[in-house]
Amino acid sequence: MRKPGDKASNVPVKPKWQGAPYHIAFATQAAKPNPAGVTIPAINYTANPDAVERRATLVVRFDASGVKKNGPIANQMVMAPVDISGTEGTLPADYIDAAIRSCRSFSALTASRGK
């Protein structure tokens, strides 16, 4: 409680962290092309130290506009959660490899190669 005569500061307090709890970015180094036609680069994350999560899930969306099939086509793949730690890091390489294999399977099922 303020006492009479105390002056409140008119300077707004800027939060330590701006935006979403996590910021993600693809690695700046070009990923080595995969002979199967599906390449996902390393995915780096930076987290708000006051709201650190321990699990992450990768969601991959596909452009299914070129798929010639009757009926609806799935346009996204949701990977199982993976453990992460700390406020900065990279999603595990084996997790990205599993995502590439899953994308390859999805591509073969929908015959959407090149999309």
PDB file of N, CA and C in Angstrom:
ATOM      1  N   MET A   1       0.846  -1.168   0.000  1.00  0.00           N
ATOM      2  CA  MET A   1       0.000   0.000   0.000  1.00  0.00           C
ATOM      3  C   MET A   1       0.888   1.227   0.000  1.00  0.00           C
ATOM      4  N   ARG A   2       0.505   2.201  -0.822  1.00  0.00           N
ATOM      5  CA  ARG A   2       1.322   3.405  -0.921  1.00  0.00           C
ATOM      6  C   ARG A   2       0.980   4.364   0.200  1.00  0.00           C
ATOM      7  N   LYS A   3       2.000   5.065   0.606  1.00  0.00           N
ATOM      8  CA  LYS A   3       1.819   6.087   1.627  1.00  0.00           C
ATOM      9  C   LYS A   3       1.530   7.419   0.942  1.00  0.00           C
ATOM     10  N   PRO A   4       0.859   8.329   1.608  1.00  0.00           N
ATOM     11  CA  PRO A   4       0.648   9.643   1.020  1.00  0.00           C
ATOM     12  C   PRO A   4       1.996  10.286   0.705  1.00  0.00           C
ATOM     13  N   GLY A   5       2.077  10.875  -0.462  1.00  0.00           N
ATOM     14  CA  GLY A   5       3.324  11.518  -0.854  1.00  0.00           C
ATOM     15  C   GLY A   5       4.198  10.659  -1.745  1.00  0.00           C
ATOM     16  N   ASP A   6       3.949   9.302  -1.751  1.00  0.00           N
ATOM     17  CA  ASP A   6       4.698   8.426  -2.656  1.00  0.00           C
ATOM     18  C   ASP A   6       4.227   8.685  -4.080  1.00  0.00           C
ATOM     19  N   LYS A   7       5.173   8.748  -4.978  1.00  0.00           N
ATOM     20  CA  LYS A   7       4.817   8.952  -6.375  1.00  0.00           C
ATOM     21  C   LYS A   7       5.037   7.661  -7.144  1.00  0.00           C
ATOM     22  N   ALA A   8       4.014   7.263  -7.873  1.00  0.00           N
ATOM     23  CA  ALA A   8       4.138   6.067  -8.709  1.00  0.00           C
ATOM     24  C   ALA A   8       4.957   6.416  -9.944  1.00  0.00           C
ATOM     25  N   SER A   9       5.723   5.487 -10.389  1.00  0.00           N
ATOM     26  CA  SER A   9       6.515   5.690 -11.593  1.00  0.00           C
ATOM     27  C   SER A   9       5.598   5.660 -12.813  1.00  0.00           C
ATOM     28  N   ASN A  10       5.803   6.576 -13.712  1.00  0.00           N
ATOM     29  CA  ASN A  10       5.028   6.613 -14.938  1.00  0.00           C
ATOM     30  C   ASN A  10       5.708   5.834 -16.059  1.00  0.00           C
ATOM     31  N   VAL A  11       6.841   5.225 -15.762  1.00  0.00           N
ATOM     32  CA  VAL A  11       7.571   4.472 -16.766  1.00  0.00           C
ATOM     33  C   VAL A  11       6.992   3.055 -16.805  1.00  0.00           C
ATOM     34  N   PRO A  12       6.487   2.636 -17.967  1.00  0.00           N
ATOM     35  CA  PRO A  12       5.944   1.281 -18.041  1.00  0.00           C
ATOM     36  C   PRO A  12       7.059   0.253 -17.904  1.00  0.00           C
ATOM     37  N   VAL A  13       6.744  -0.834 -17.241  1.00  0.00           N
ATOM     38  CA  VAL A  13       7.713  -1.912 -17.061  1.00  0.00           C
ATOM     39  C   VAL A  13       7.630  -2.817 -18.278  1.00  0.00           C
ATOM     40  N   LYS A  14       8.748  -2.980 -18.969  1.00  0.00           N
ATOM     41  CA  LYS A  14       8.791  -3.815 -20.162  1.00  0.00           C
ATOM     42  C   LYS A  14       9.013  -5.265 -19.736  1.00  0.00           C
ATOM     43  N   PRO A  15       8.191  -6.198 -20.241  1.00  0.00           N
ATOM     44  CA  PRO A  15       8.379  -7.598 -19.860  1.00  0.00           C
ATOM     45  C   PRO A  15       9.736  -8.124 -20.335  1.00  0.00           C
ATOM     46  N   LYS A  16      10.274  -9.103 -19.596  1.00  0.00           N
ATOM     47  CA  LYS A  16      11.568  -9.679 -19.945  1.00  0.00           C
ATOM     48  C   LYS A  16      11.502 -10.417 -21.276  1.00  0.00           C
ATOM     49  N   TRP A  17      10.370 -11.023 -21.563  1.00  0.00           N
ATOM     50  CA  TRP A  17      10.219 -11.855 -22.756  1.00  0.00           C
ATOM     51  C   TRP A  17       9.102 -11.299 -23.614  1.00  0.00           C
ATOM     52  N   GLN A  18       9.340 -11.178 -24.907  1.00  0.00           N
ATOM     53  CA  GLN A  18       8.353 -10.641 -25.830  1.00  0.00           C
ATOM     54  C   GLN A  18       7.745 -11.774 -26.655  1.00  0.00           C
ATOM     55  N   GLY A  19       6.439 -11.764 -26.816  1.00  0.00           N
ATOM     56  CA  GLY A  19       5.774 -12.693 -27.728  1.00  0.00           C
ATOM     57  C   GLY A  19       5.446 -14.041 -27.131  1.00  0.00           C
ATOM     58  N   ALA A  20       5.375 -15.035 -28.016  1.00  0.00           N
ATOM     59  CA  ALA A  20       4.987 -16.401 -27.653  1.00  0.00           C
ATOM     60  C   ALA A  20       6.014 -17.013 -26.694  1.00  0.00           C
ATOM     61  N   PRO A  21       5.597 -18.031 -25.924  1.00  0.00           N
ATOM     62  CA  PRO A  21       6.527 -18.659 -24.977  1.00  0.00           C
ATOM     63  C   PRO A  21       7.741 -19.302 -25.644  1.00  0.00           C
ATOM     64  N   TYR A  22       7.580 -19.727 -26.896  1.00  0.00           N
ATOM     65  CA  TYR A  22       8.694 -20.337 -27.627  1.00  0.00           C
ATOM     66  C   TYR A  22       8.849 -19.674 -28.976  1.00  0.00           C
ATOM     67  N   HIS A  23      10.076 -19.504 -29.402  1.00  0.00           N
ATOM     68  CA  HIS A  23      10.390 -19.044 -30.748  1.00  0.00           C
ATOM     69  C   HIS A  23      11.125 -20.197 -31.418  1.00  0.00           C
ATOM     70  N   ILE A  24      10.702 -20.557 -32.631  1.00  0.00           N
ATOM     71  CA  ILE A  24      11.389 -21.623 -33.351  1.00  0.00           C
ATOM     72  C   ILE A  24      11.938 -21.075 -34.658  1.00  0.00           C
ATOM     73  N   ALA A  25      12.982 -21.718 -35.142  1.00  0.00           N
ATOM     74  CA  ALA A  25      13.603 -21.303 -36.402  1.00  0.00           C
ATOM     75  C   ALA A  25      14.295 -22.502 -37.019  1.00  0.00           C
ATOM     76  N   PHE A  26      14.282 -22.552 -38.339  1.00  0.00           N
ATOM     77  CA  PHE A  26      15.034 -23.584 -39.031  1.00  0.00           C
ATOM     78  C   PHE A  26      16.502 -23.208 -38.994  1.00  0.00           C
ATOM     79  N   ALA A  27      17.366 -24.213 -38.988  1.00  0.00           N
ATOM     80  CA  ALA A  27      18.803 -23.984 -38.994  1.00  0.00           C
ATOM     81  C   ALA A  27      19.171 -23.186 -40.244  1.00  0.00           C
ATOM     82  N   THR A  28      20.117 -22.283 -40.118  1.00  0.00           N
ATOM     83  CA  THR A  28      20.510 -21.444 -41.242  1.00  0.00           C
ATOM     84  C   THR A  28      21.379 -22.202 -42.242  1.00  0.00           C
ATOM     85  N   GLN A  29      22.029 -23.261 -41.794  1.00  0.00           N
ATOM     86  CA  GLN A  29      22.843 -24.066 -42.690  1.00  0.00           C
ATOM     87  C   GLN A  29      21.902 -24.905 -43.566  1.00  0.00           C
ATOM     88  N   ALA A  30      22.157 -24.947 -44.856  1.00  0.00           N
ATOM     89  CA  ALA A  30      21.310 -25.709 -45.775  1.00  0.00           C
ATOM     90  C   ALA A  30      21.337 -27.188 -45.406  1.00  0.00           C
ATOM     91  N   ALA A  31      20.151 -27.792 -45.374  1.00  0.00           N
ATOM     92  CA  ALA A  31      20.053 -29.214 -45.060  1.00  0.00           C
ATOM     93  C   ALA A  31      20.529 -30.026 -46.252  1.00  0.00           C
ATOM     94  N   LYS A  32      21.154 -31.159 -45.968  1.00  0.00           N
ATOM     95  CA  LYS A  32      21.619 -32.050 -47.024  1.00  0.00           C
ATOM     96  C   LYS A  32      20.388 -32.665 -47.699  1.00  0.00           C
ATOM     97  N   PRO A  33      20.280 -32.563 -49.020  1.00  0.00           N
ATOM     98  CA  PRO A  33      19.113 -33.120 -49.710  1.00  0.00           C
ATOM     99  C   PRO A  33      18.968 -34.613 -49.444  1.00  0.00           C
ATOM    100  N   ASN A  34      17.759 -35.045 -49.234  1.00  0.00           N
ATOM    101  CA  ASN A  34      17.453 -36.434 -48.970  1.00  0.00           C
ATOM    102  C   ASN A  34      17.073 -37.095 -50.292  1.00  0.00           C
ATOM    103  N   PRO A  35      17.641 -38.271 -50.623  1.00  0.00           N
ATOM    104  CA  PRO A  35      17.316 -38.915 -51.900  1.00  0.00           C
ATOM    105  C   PRO A  35      15.834 -39.266 -52.034  1.00  0.00           C
ATOM    106  N   ALA A  36      15.115 -39.375 -50.925  1.00  0.00           N
ATOM    107  CA  ALA A  36      13.682 -39.709 -50.974  1.00  0.00           C
ATOM    108  C   ALA A  36      12.838 -38.498 -51.347  1.00  0.00           C
ATOM    109  N   GLY A  37      13.448 -37.321 -51.416  1.00  0.00           N
ATOM    110  CA  GLY A  37      12.709 -36.127 -51.815  1.00  0.00           C
ATOM    111  C   GLY A  37      12.130 -35.336 -50.664  1.00  0.00           C
ATOM    112  N   VAL A  38      12.313 -35.780 -49.434  1.00  0.00           N
ATOM    113  CA  VAL A  38      11.787 -35.068 -48.264  1.00  0.00           C
ATOM    114  C   VAL A  38      12.967 -34.647 -47.398  1.00  0.00           C
ATOM    115  N   THR A  39      13.087 -33.353 -47.141  1.00  0.00           N
ATOM    116  CA  THR A  39      14.172 -32.842 -46.306  1.00  0.00           C
ATOM    117  C   THR A  39      13.595 -31.877 -45.285  1.00  0.00           C
ATOM    118  N   ILE A  40      13.875 -32.116 -44.024  1.00  0.00           N
ATOM    119  CA  ILE A  40      13.483 -31.204 -42.949  1.00  0.00           C
ATOM    120  C   ILE A  40      14.771 -30.753 -42.271  1.00  0.00           C
ATOM    121  N   PRO A  41      15.062 -29.458 -42.271  1.00  0.00           N
ATOM    122  CA  PRO A  41      16.296 -28.992 -41.627  1.00  0.00           C
ATOM    123  C   PRO A  41      16.185 -29.084 -40.100  1.00  0.00           C
ATOM    124  N   ALA A  42      17.305 -28.906 -39.445  1.00  0.00           N
ATOM    125  CA  ALA A  42      17.297 -28.877 -37.973  1.00  0.00           C
ATOM    126  C   ALA A  42      16.386 -27.742 -37.509  1.00  0.00           C
ATOM    127  N   ILE A  43      15.686 -27.966 -36.405  1.00  0.00           N
ATOM    128  CA  ILE A  43      14.756 -26.969 -35.866  1.00  0.00           C
ATOM    129  C   ILE A  43      15.269 -26.529 -34.496  1.00  0.00           C
ATOM    130  N   ASN A  44      15.610 -25.245 -34.388  1.00  0.00           N
ATOM    131  CA  ASN A  44      16.127 -24.670 -33.144  1.00  0.00           C
ATOM    132  C   ASN A  44      14.997 -23.985 -32.392  1.00  0.00           C
ATOM    133  N   TYR A  45      15.080 -23.991 -31.065  1.00  0.00           N
ATOM    134  CA  TYR A  45      14.077 -23.299 -30.260  1.00  0.00           C
ATOM    135  C   TYR A  45      14.741 -22.442 -29.198  1.00  0.00           C
ATOM    136  N   THR A  46      14.048 -21.381 -28.827  1.00  0.00           N
ATOM    137  CA  THR A  46      14.433 -20.515 -27.720  1.00  0.00           C
ATOM    138  C   THR A  46      13.175 -20.326 -26.888  1.00  0.00           C
ATOM    139  N   ALA A  47      13.298 -20.492 -25.573  1.00  0.00           N
ATOM    140  CA  ALA A  47      12.117 -20.471 -24.711  1.00  0.00           C
ATOM    141  C   ALA A  47      12.152 -19.339 -23.708  1.00  0.00           C
ATOM    142  N   ASN A  48      10.969 -18.920 -23.313  1.00  0.00           N
ATOM    143  CA  ASN A  48      10.814 -17.958 -22.225  1.00  0.00           C
ATOM    144  C   ASN A  48      11.269 -18.664 -20.951  1.00  0.00           C
ATOM    145  N   PRO A  49      12.289 -18.173 -20.261  1.00  0.00           N
ATOM    146  CA  PRO A  49      12.791 -18.855 -19.066  1.00  0.00           C
ATOM    147  C   PRO A  49      11.762 -18.938 -17.935  1.00  0.00           C
ATOM    148  N   ASP A  50      10.734 -18.086 -17.979  1.00  0.00           N
ATOM    149  CA  ASP A  50       9.708 -18.120 -16.937  1.00  0.00           C
ATOM    150  C   ASP A  50       8.565 -19.071 -17.268  1.00  0.00           C
ATOM    151  N   ALA A  51       8.562 -19.661 -18.474  1.00  0.00           N
ATOM    152  CA  ALA A  51       7.470 -20.548 -18.886  1.00  0.00           C
ATOM    153  C   ALA A  51       8.008 -21.724 -19.694  1.00  0.00           C
ATOM    154  N   VAL A  52       9.050 -22.369 -19.201  1.00  0.00           N
ATOM    155  CA  VAL A  52       9.695 -23.451 -19.933  1.00  0.00           C
ATOM    156  C   VAL A  52       8.823 -24.704 -19.895  1.00  0.00           C
ATOM    157  N   GLU A  53       8.629 -25.294 -21.067  1.00  0.00           N
ATOM    158  CA  GLU A  53       7.921 -26.560 -21.199  1.00  0.00           C
ATOM    159  C   GLU A  53       8.960 -27.668 -21.335  1.00  0.00           C
ATOM    160  N   ARG A  54       8.539 -28.889 -21.146  1.00  0.00           N
ATOM    161  CA  ARG A  54       9.461 -30.023 -21.223  1.00  0.00           C
ATOM    162  C   ARG A  54       9.187 -30.929 -22.410  1.00  0.00           C
ATOM    163  N   ARG A  55       8.107 -30.655 -23.161  1.00  0.00           N
ATOM    164  CA  ARG A  55       7.737 -31.495 -24.296  1.00  0.00           C
ATOM    165  C   ARG A  55       7.433 -30.606 -25.500  1.00  0.00           C
ATOM    166  N   ALA A  56       7.710 -31.119 -26.681  1.00  0.00           N
ATOM    167  CA  ALA A  56       7.405 -30.394 -27.922  1.00  0.00           C
ATOM    168  C   ALA A  56       6.792 -31.378 -28.904  1.00  0.00           C
ATOM    169  N   THR A  57       5.951 -30.873 -29.776  1.00  0.00           N
ATOM    170  CA  THR A  57       5.327 -31.679 -30.823  1.00  0.00           C
ATOM    171  C   THR A  57       5.522 -30.982 -32.160  1.00  0.00           C
ATOM    172  N   LEU A  58       5.956 -31.720 -33.145  1.00  0.00           N
ATOM    173  CA  LEU A  58       6.155 -31.190 -34.488  1.00  0.00           C
ATOM    174  C   LEU A  58       4.905 -31.458 -35.325  1.00  0.00           C
ATOM    175  N   VAL A  59       4.393 -30.415 -35.963  1.00  0.00           N
ATOM    176  CA  VAL A  59       3.254 -30.542 -36.868  1.00  0.00           C
ATOM    177  C   VAL A  59       3.737 -30.119 -38.253  1.00  0.00           C
ATOM    178  N   VAL A  60       3.545 -30.997 -39.232  1.00  0.00           N
ATOM    179  CA  VAL A  60       3.951 -30.718 -40.607  1.00  0.00           C
ATOM    180  C   VAL A  60       2.688 -30.601 -41.444  1.00  0.00           C
ATOM    181  N   ARG A  61       2.554 -29.485 -42.153  1.00  0.00           N
ATOM    182  CA  ARG A  61       1.405 -29.279 -43.046  1.00  0.00           C
ATOM    183  C   ARG A  61       1.846 -29.511 -44.481  1.00  0.00           C
ATOM    184  N   PHE A  62       0.967 -30.130 -45.253  1.00  0.00           N
ATOM    185  CA  PHE A  62       1.244 -30.461 -46.640  1.00  0.00           C
ATOM    186  C   PHE A  62       0.359 -29.643 -47.569  1.00  0.00           C
ATOM    187  N   ASP A  63       0.871 -29.384 -48.751  1.00  0.00           N
ATOM    188  CA  ASP A  63       0.065 -28.791 -49.809  1.00  0.00           C
ATOM    189  C   ASP A  63      -0.527 -29.954 -50.600  1.00  0.00           C
ATOM    190  N   ALA A  64      -1.790 -30.249 -50.355  1.00  0.00           N
ATOM    191  CA  ALA A  64      -2.455 -31.381 -51.009  1.00  0.00           C
ATOM    192  C   ALA A  64      -3.239 -30.936 -52.237  1.00  0.00           C
ATOM    193  N   SER A  65      -3.029 -29.705 -52.694  1.00  0.00           N
ATOM    194  CA  SER A  65      -3.809 -29.188 -53.820  1.00  0.00           C
ATOM    195  C   SER A  65      -3.531 -29.938 -55.119  1.00  0.00           C
ATOM    196  N   GLY A  66      -2.366 -30.536 -55.275  1.00  0.00           N
ATOM    197  CA  GLY A  66      -2.034 -31.243 -56.502  1.00  0.00           C
ATOM    198  C   GLY A  66      -2.346 -32.718 -56.475  1.00  0.00           C
ATOM    199  N   VAL A  67      -2.901 -33.215 -55.389  1.00  0.00           N
ATOM    200  CA  VAL A  67      -3.199 -34.633 -55.255  1.00  0.00           C
ATOM    201  C   VAL A  67      -4.484 -34.948 -56.011  1.00  0.00           C
ATOM    202  N   LYS A  68      -4.419 -35.955 -56.872  1.00  0.00           N
ATOM    203  CA  LYS A  68      -5.578 -36.359 -57.660  1.00  0.00           C
ATOM    204  C   LYS A  68      -6.187 -37.615 -57.043  1.00  0.00           C
ATOM    205  N   LYS A  69      -7.094 -37.454 -56.101  1.00  0.00           N
ATOM    206  CA  LYS A  69      -7.781 -38.580 -55.469  1.00  0.00           C
ATOM    207  C   LYS A  69      -9.217 -38.186 -55.209  1.00  0.00           C
ATOM    208  N   ASN A  70     -10.073 -39.180 -55.177  1.00  0.00           N
ATOM    209  CA  ASN A  70     -11.462 -38.922 -54.808  1.00  0.00           C
ATOM    210  C   ASN A  70     -11.565 -38.926 -53.290  1.00  0.00           C
ATOM    211  N   GLY A  71     -12.289 -38.003 -52.739  1.00  0.00           N
ATOM    212  CA  GLY A  71     -12.472 -37.941 -51.294  1.00  0.00           C
ATOM    213  C   GLY A  71     -11.473 -37.025 -50.628  1.00  0.00           C
ATOM    214  N   PRO A  72     -11.638 -36.847 -49.345  1.00  0.00           N
ATOM    215  CA  PRO A  72     -10.764 -35.923 -48.607  1.00  0.00           C
ATOM    216  C   PRO A  72      -9.340 -36.471 -48.456  1.00  0.00           C
ATOM    217  N   ILE A  73      -8.389 -35.561 -48.407  1.00  0.00           N
ATOM    218  CA  ILE A  73      -6.972 -35.892 -48.238  1.00  0.00           C
ATOM    219  C   ILE A  73      -6.475 -35.185 -46.980  1.00  0.00           C
ATOM    220  N   ALA A  74      -5.762 -35.915 -46.134  1.00  0.00           N
ATOM    221  CA  ALA A  74      -5.163 -35.297 -44.944  1.00  0.00           C
ATOM    222  C   ALA A  74      -4.093 -34.311 -45.400  1.00  0.00           C
ATOM    223  N   ASN A  75      -4.034 -33.162 -44.750  1.00  0.00           N
ATOM    224  CA  ASN A  75      -3.034 -32.166 -45.143  1.00  0.00           C
ATOM    225  C   ASN A  75      -2.058 -31.842 -44.020  1.00  0.00           C
ATOM    226  N   GLN A  76      -2.051 -32.663 -42.967  1.00  0.00           N
ATOM    227  CA  GLN A  76      -1.065 -32.431 -41.916  1.00  0.00           C
ATOM    228  C   GLN A  76      -0.716 -33.725 -41.209  1.00  0.00           C
ATOM    229  N   MET A  77       0.476 -33.728 -40.631  1.00  0.00           N
ATOM    230  CA  MET A  77       0.955 -34.867 -39.864  1.00  0.00           C
ATOM    231  C   MET A  77       1.399 -34.336 -38.500  1.00  0.00           C
ATOM    232  N   VAL A  78       0.958 -34.978 -37.432  1.00  0.00           N
ATOM    233  CA  VAL A  78       1.312 -34.566 -36.077  1.00  0.00           C
ATOM    234  C   VAL A  78       2.200 -35.652 -35.484  1.00  0.00           C
ATOM    235  N   MET A  79       3.415 -35.290 -35.150  1.00  0.00           N
ATOM    236  CA  MET A  79       4.353 -36.239 -34.552  1.00  0.00           C
ATOM    237  C   MET A  79       4.046 -36.414 -33.063  1.00  0.00           C
ATOM    238  N   ALA A  80       4.513 -37.506 -32.502  1.00  0.00           N
ATOM    239  CA  ALA A  80       4.393 -37.736 -31.060  1.00  0.00           C
ATOM    240  C   ALA A  80       5.264 -36.706 -30.335  1.00  0.00           C
ATOM    241  N   PRO A  81       4.927 -36.383 -29.088  1.00  0.00           N
ATOM    242  CA  PRO A  81       5.743 -35.424 -28.333  1.00  0.00           C
ATOM    243  C   PRO A  81       7.167 -35.942 -28.104  1.00  0.00           C
ATOM    244  N   VAL A  82       8.093 -35.007 -27.983  1.00  0.00           N
ATOM    245  CA  VAL A  82       9.485 -35.336 -27.705  1.00  0.00           C
ATOM    246  C   VAL A  82       9.932 -34.513 -26.494  1.00  0.00           C
ATOM    247  N   ASP A  83      10.815 -35.084 -25.691  1.00  0.00           N
ATOM    248  CA  ASP A  83      11.341 -34.366 -24.526  1.00  0.00           C
ATOM    249  C   ASP A  83      12.364 -33.323 -24.974  1.00  0.00           C
ATOM    250  N   ILE A  84      12.261 -32.140 -24.410  1.00  0.00           N
ATOM    251  CA  ILE A  84      13.242 -31.083 -24.627  1.00  0.00           C
ATOM    252  C   ILE A  84      13.658 -30.555 -23.256  1.00  0.00           C
ATOM    253  N   SER A  85      14.795 -29.901 -23.205  1.00  0.00           N
ATOM    254  CA  SER A  85      15.227 -29.351 -21.916  1.00  0.00           C
ATOM    255  C   SER A  85      15.937 -28.029 -22.135  1.00  0.00           C
ATOM    256  N   GLY A  86      15.852 -27.189 -21.149  1.00  0.00           N
ATOM    257  CA  GLY A  86      16.544 -25.913 -21.205  1.00  0.00           C
ATOM    258  C   GLY A  86      15.780 -24.853 -21.975  1.00  0.00           C
ATOM    259  N   THR A  87      16.376 -23.678 -22.051  1.00  0.00           N
ATOM    260  CA  THR A  87      15.720 -22.559 -22.718  1.00  0.00           C
ATOM    261  C   THR A  87      16.163 -22.408 -24.171  1.00  0.00           C
ATOM    262  N   GLU A  88      17.190 -23.148 -24.584  1.00  0.00           N
ATOM    263  CA  GLU A  88      17.637 -23.117 -25.978  1.00  0.00           C
ATOM    264  C   GLU A  88      18.078 -24.506 -26.377  1.00  0.00           C
ATOM    265  N   GLY A  89      17.873 -24.815 -27.651  1.00  0.00           N
ATOM    266  CA  GLY A  89      18.325 -26.113 -28.127  1.00  0.00           C
ATOM    267  C   GLY A  89      17.815 -26.408 -29.519  1.00  0.00           C
ATOM    268  N   THR A  90      17.990 -27.661 -29.909  1.00  0.00           N
ATOM    269  CA  THR A  90      17.572 -28.152 -31.212  1.00  0.00           C
ATOM    270  C   THR A  90      16.771 -29.425 -30.994  1.00  0.00           C
ATOM    271  N   LEU A  91      15.703 -29.597 -31.760  1.00  0.00           N
ATOM    272  CA  LEU A  91      14.960 -30.850 -31.663  1.00  0.00           C
ATOM    273  C   LEU A  91      15.906 -31.986 -32.027  1.00  0.00           C
ATOM    274  N   PRO A  92      15.803 -33.138 -31.332  1.00  0.00           N
ATOM    275  CA  PRO A  92      16.746 -34.236 -31.561  1.00  0.00           C
ATOM    276  C   PRO A  92      16.774 -34.708 -33.019  1.00  0.00           C
ATOM    277  N   ALA A  93      17.958 -35.060 -33.498  1.00  0.00           N
ATOM    278  CA  ALA A  93      18.134 -35.504 -34.884  1.00  0.00           C
ATOM    279  C   ALA A  93      17.314 -36.753 -35.181  1.00  0.00           C
ATOM    280  N   ASP A  94      17.232 -37.695 -34.224  1.00  0.00           N
ATOM    281  CA  ASP A  94      16.450 -38.910 -34.485  1.00  0.00           C
ATOM    282  C   ASP A  94      14.953 -38.595 -34.596  1.00  0.00           C
ATOM    283  N   TYR A  95      14.501 -37.560 -33.911  1.00  0.00           N
ATOM    284  CA  TYR A  95      13.105 -37.119 -34.007  1.00  0.00           C
ATOM    285  C   TYR A  95      12.839 -36.535 -35.396  1.00  0.00           C
ATOM    286  N   ILE A  96      13.761 -35.728 -35.904  1.00  0.00           N
ATOM    287  CA  ILE A  96      13.633 -35.156 -37.245  1.00  0.00           C
ATOM    288  C   ILE A  96      13.692 -36.268 -38.285  1.00  0.00           C
ATOM    289  N   ASP A  97      14.581 -37.264 -38.088  1.00  0.00           N
ATOM    290  CA  ASP A  97      14.655 -38.399 -39.016  1.00  0.00           C
ATOM    291  C   ASP A  97      13.336 -39.172 -39.047  1.00  0.00           C
ATOM    292  N   ALA A  98      12.712 -39.359 -37.881  1.00  0.00           N
ATOM    293  CA  ALA A  98      11.411 -40.032 -37.827  1.00  0.00           C
ATOM    294  C   ALA A  98      10.353 -39.214 -38.567  1.00  0.00           C
ATOM    295  N   ALA A  99      10.423 -37.894 -38.447  1.00  0.00           N
ATOM    296  CA  ALA A  99       9.483 -37.026 -39.164  1.00  0.00           C
ATOM    297  C   ALA A  99       9.685 -37.151 -40.670  1.00  0.00           C
ATOM    298  N   ILE A 100      10.925 -37.224 -41.108  1.00  0.00           N
ATOM    299  CA  ILE A 100      11.220 -37.388 -42.535  1.00  0.00           C
ATOM    300  C   ILE A 100      10.661 -38.719 -43.040  1.00  0.00           C
ATOM    301  N   ARG A 101      10.871 -39.809 -42.268  1.00  0.00           N
ATOM    302  CA  ARG A 101      10.330 -41.114 -42.663  1.00  0.00           C
ATOM    303  C   ARG A 101       8.806 -41.074 -42.733  1.00  0.00           C
ATOM    304  N   SER A 102       8.170 -40.410 -41.766  1.00  0.00           N
ATOM    305  CA  SER A 102       6.708 -40.307 -41.764  1.00  0.00           C
ATOM    306  C   SER A 102       6.211 -39.488 -42.951  1.00  0.00           C
ATOM    307  N   CYS A 103       6.908 -38.403 -43.277  1.00  0.00           N
ATOM    308  CA  CYS A 103       6.536 -37.582 -44.437  1.00  0.00           C
ATOM    309  C   CYS A 103       6.670 -38.391 -45.720  1.00  0.00           C
ATOM    310  N   ARG A 104       7.726 -39.186 -45.793  1.00  0.00           N
ATOM    311  CA  ARG A 104       7.941 -40.029 -46.973  1.00  0.00           C
ATOM    312  C   ARG A 104       6.791 -41.029 -47.114  1.00  0.00           C
ATOM    313  N   SER A 105       6.374 -41.638 -46.004  1.00  0.00           N
ATOM    314  CA  SER A 105       5.256 -42.584 -46.030  1.00  0.00           C
ATOM    315  C   SER A 105       3.974 -41.888 -46.450  1.00  0.00           C
ATOM    316  N   PHE A 106       3.746 -40.703 -45.899  1.00  0.00           N
ATOM    317  CA  PHE A 106       2.545 -39.936 -46.249  1.00  0.00           C
ATOM    318  C   PHE A 106       2.555 -39.616 -47.734  1.00  0.00           C
ATOM    319  N   SER A 107       3.693 -39.205 -48.240  1.00  0.00           N
ATOM    320  CA  SER A 107       3.823 -38.861 -49.650  1.00  0.00           C
ATOM    321  C   SER A 107       3.525 -40.070 -50.531  1.00  0.00           C
ATOM    322  N   ALA A 108       4.016 -41.240 -50.141  1.00  0.00           N
ATOM    323  CA  ALA A 108       3.772 -42.454 -50.919  1.00  0.00           C
ATOM    324  C   ALA A 108       2.291 -42.830 -50.881  1.00  0.00           C
ATOM    325  N   LEU A 109       1.652 -42.664 -49.729  1.00  0.00           N
ATOM    326  CA  LEU A 109       0.225 -43.010 -49.611  1.00  0.00           C
ATOM    327  C   LEU A 109      -0.646 -42.123 -50.461  1.00  0.00           C
ATOM    328  N   THR A 110      -0.317 -40.846 -50.555  1.00  0.00           N
ATOM    329  CA  THR A 110      -1.165 -39.918 -51.283  1.00  0.00           C
ATOM    330  C   THR A 110      -0.667 -39.645 -52.688  1.00  0.00           C
ATOM    331  N   ALA A 111       0.458 -40.254 -53.043  1.00  0.00           N
ATOM    332  CA  ALA A 111       1.070 -40.029 -54.360  1.00  0.00           C
ATOM    333  C   ALA A 111       1.237 -38.535 -54.625  1.00  0.00           C
ATOM    334  N   SER A 112       1.701 -37.811 -53.605  1.00  0.00           N
ATOM    335  CA  SER A 112       1.849 -36.356 -53.718  1.00  0.00           C
ATOM    336  C   SER A 112       3.309 -35.956 -53.854  1.00  0.00           C
ATOM    337  N   ARG A 113       4.079 -36.757 -54.509  1.00  0.00           N
ATOM    338  CA  ARG A 113       5.507 -36.454 -54.661  1.00  0.00           C
ATOM    339  C   ARG A 113       5.688 -35.095 -55.320  1.00  0.00           C
ATOM    340  N   GLY A 114       6.639 -34.357 -54.749  1.00  0.00           N
ATOM    341  CA  GLY A 114       6.945 -33.041 -55.302  1.00  0.00           C
ATOM    342  C   GLY A 114       6.045 -31.938 -54.799  1.00  0.00           C
ATOM    343  N   LYS A 115       5.125 -32.246 -53.917  1.00  0.00           N
ATOM    344  CA  LYS A 115       4.219 -31.197 -53.400  1.00  0.00           C
ATOM    345  C   LYS A 115       4.496 -30.982 -51.940  1.00  0.00           C
TER     346      LYS A 115
END
